[in-house]
Structure formats: structure tokens, C-alpha cells
C-alpha atoms as a PDB file:
ATOM      1  CA  UNK A   1       0.000   0.000   0.000  1.00  0.00           C
ATOM      2  CA  UNK A   2       1.449   3.325  -1.019  1.00  0.00           C
ATOM      3  CA  UNK A   3       1.774   5.868   1.773  1.00  0.00           C
ATOM      4  CA  UNK A   4       0.373   9.309   1.239  1.00  0.00           C
ATOM      5  CA  UNK A   5       2.940  11.976   1.848  1.00  0.00           C
ATOM      6  CA  UNK A   6       1.445  15.043   3.438  1.00  0.00           C
ATOM      7  CA  UNK A   7       3.702  18.045   3.414  1.00  0.00           C
ATOM      8  CA  UNK A   8       2.798  21.046   5.466  1.00  0.00           C
ATOM      9  CA  UNK A   9       4.246  24.049   3.747  1.00  0.00           C
ATOM     10  CA  UNK A  10       5.257  26.959   5.871  1.00  0.00           C
ATOM     11  CA  UNK A  11       3.967  30.135   4.285  1.00  0.00           C
ATOM     12  CA  UNK A  12       5.741  33.326   5.219  1.00  0.00           C
ATOM     13  CA  UNK A  13       4.261  36.744   4.508  1.00  0.00           C
ATOM     14  CA  UNK A  14       5.759  40.189   4.233  1.00  0.00           C
ATOM     15  CA  UNK A  15       4.086  43.045   6.087  1.00  0.00           C
ATOM     16  CA  UNK A  16       2.388  44.131   2.872  1.00  0.00           C
ATOM     17  CA  UNK A  17       1.034  40.630   2.197  1.00  0.00           C
ATOM     18  CA  UNK A  18      -0.169  40.198   5.785  1.00  0.00           C
ATOM     19  CA  UNK A  19      -2.026  43.518   5.691  1.00  0.00           C
ATOM     20  CA  UNK A  20      -3.613  42.621   2.344  1.00  0.00           C
ATOM     21  CA  UNK A  21      -5.000  39.369   3.774  1.00  0.00           C
ATOM     22  CA  UNK A  22      -7.098  41.076   6.420  1.00  0.00           C
ATOM     23  CA  UNK A  23      -9.513  43.856   5.584  1.00  0.00           C
ATOM     24  CA  UNK A  24      -8.985  46.797   7.902  1.00  0.00           C
ATOM     25  CA  UNK A  25      -5.471  45.777   8.940  1.00  0.00           C
ATOM     26  CA  UNK A  26      -2.895  48.298   7.786  1.00  0.00           C
ATOM     27  CA  UNK A  27       0.768  47.793   7.000  1.00  0.00           C
ATOM     28  CA  UNK A  28       1.575  50.293   9.742  1.00  0.00           C
ATOM     29  CA  UNK A  29      -0.298  48.229  12.352  1.00  0.00           C
ATOM     30  CA  UNK A  30       1.334  44.960  11.271  1.00  0.00           C
ATOM     31  CA  UNK A  31       4.766  46.621  11.450  1.00  0.00           C
ATOM     32  CA  UNK A  32       4.039  47.970  14.942  1.00  0.00           C
ATOM     33  CA  UNK A  33       2.903  44.512  16.117  1.00  0.00           C
ATOM     34  CA  UNK A  34       6.168  43.056  14.803  1.00  0.00           C
ATOM     35  CA  UNK A  35       8.359  45.753  16.332  1.00  0.00           C
ATOM     36  CA  UNK A  36       6.665  45.499  19.728  1.00  0.00           C
ATOM     37  CA  UNK A  37       7.022  41.705  19.777  1.00  0.00           C
ATOM     38  CA  UNK A  38       3.271  41.137  20.058  1.00  0.00           C
ATOM     39  CA  UNK A  39       3.230  39.296  16.728  1.00  0.00           C
ATOM     40  CA  UNK A  40       5.939  36.642  16.385  1.00  0.00           C
ATOM     41  CA  UNK A  41       8.039  37.242  13.293  1.00  0.00           C
ATOM     42  CA  UNK A  42      11.632  37.478  12.207  1.00  0.00           C
ATOM     43  CA  UNK A  43      13.689  39.808  10.115  1.00  0.00           C
ATOM     44  CA  UNK A  44      15.267  38.702   6.865  1.00  0.00           C
ATOM     45  CA  UNK A  45      17.464  41.573   5.820  1.00  0.00           C
ATOM     46  CA  UNK A  46      15.263  44.632   6.061  1.00  0.00           C
ATOM     47  CA  UNK A  47      11.963  42.746   5.772  1.00  0.00           C
ATOM     48  CA  UNK A  48       9.841  41.303   8.535  1.00  0.00           C
ATOM     49  CA  UNK A  49       8.496  37.842   7.736  1.00  0.00           C
ATOM     50  CA  UNK A  50       5.368  36.558   9.431  1.00  0.00           C
ATOM     51  CA  UNK A  51       4.159  32.969   9.464  1.00  0.00           C
ATOM     52  CA  UNK A  52       0.654  32.887   7.941  1.00  0.00           C
ATOM     53  CA  UNK A  53      -0.693  30.320  10.435  1.00  0.00           C
ATOM     54  CA  UNK A  54       0.659  32.298  13.390  1.00  0.00           C
ATOM     55  CA  UNK A  55      -0.910  35.484  12.014  1.00  0.00           C
ATOM     56  CA  UNK A  56      -4.330  33.800  11.851  1.00  0.00           C
ATOM     57  CA  UNK A  57      -3.939  32.373  15.358  1.00  0.00           C
ATOM     58  CA  UNK A  58      -2.956  35.788  16.701  1.00  0.00           C
ATOM     59  CA  UNK A  59      -5.915  37.489  15.037  1.00  0.00           C
ATOM     60  CA  UNK A  60      -8.322  34.814  16.339  1.00  0.00           C
ATOM     61  CA  UNK A  61      -7.032  35.291  19.883  1.00  0.00           C
ATOM     62  CA  UNK A  62      -5.562  31.787  20.028  1.00  0.00           C
ATOM     63  CA  UNK A  63      -2.019  33.103  20.421  1.00  0.00           C
ATOM     64  CA  UNK A  64      -1.011  35.572  23.094  1.00  0.00           C
ATOM     65  CA  UNK A  65       2.592  36.739  23.293  1.00  0.00           C
ATOM     66  CA  UNK A  66       3.746  38.446  26.453  1.00  0.00           C
END
């Protein structure tokens, strides 16, 4: 029996892409959340990269960073 390979891709978003996903969320607000450490992300060069799944969890209140 052939095994099904399930790959979970990690999708990273720039600030612009994250803001575009959510109506009413501005690039400025996403950047401030990143800078303050409230939204987990990392910097690649000059760009902040945000995990898409973590963004959704944060916005749904499932993820609280202190």
C-alpha cells in the first residue's frame, strides 16, 4: 500500500502581504505589532516575515505573546 505523503508548507508573509490578507489591517499596524514583539516574526534583511498560520492564530485570539 502506497503511503500518502502530506507536506505542510510553511507560508511566510511580508508586512504588505499580511495587511492585504485582512480587511482593515494596515501595514503600519502589522509593522508595529512586529516591532513590539506582540506578533511573532523574524527579520530577513530589512523585511519582517510573518508565518501565515501564526498570524491567523494571533488574530483569532488563540495566540497571546507576552
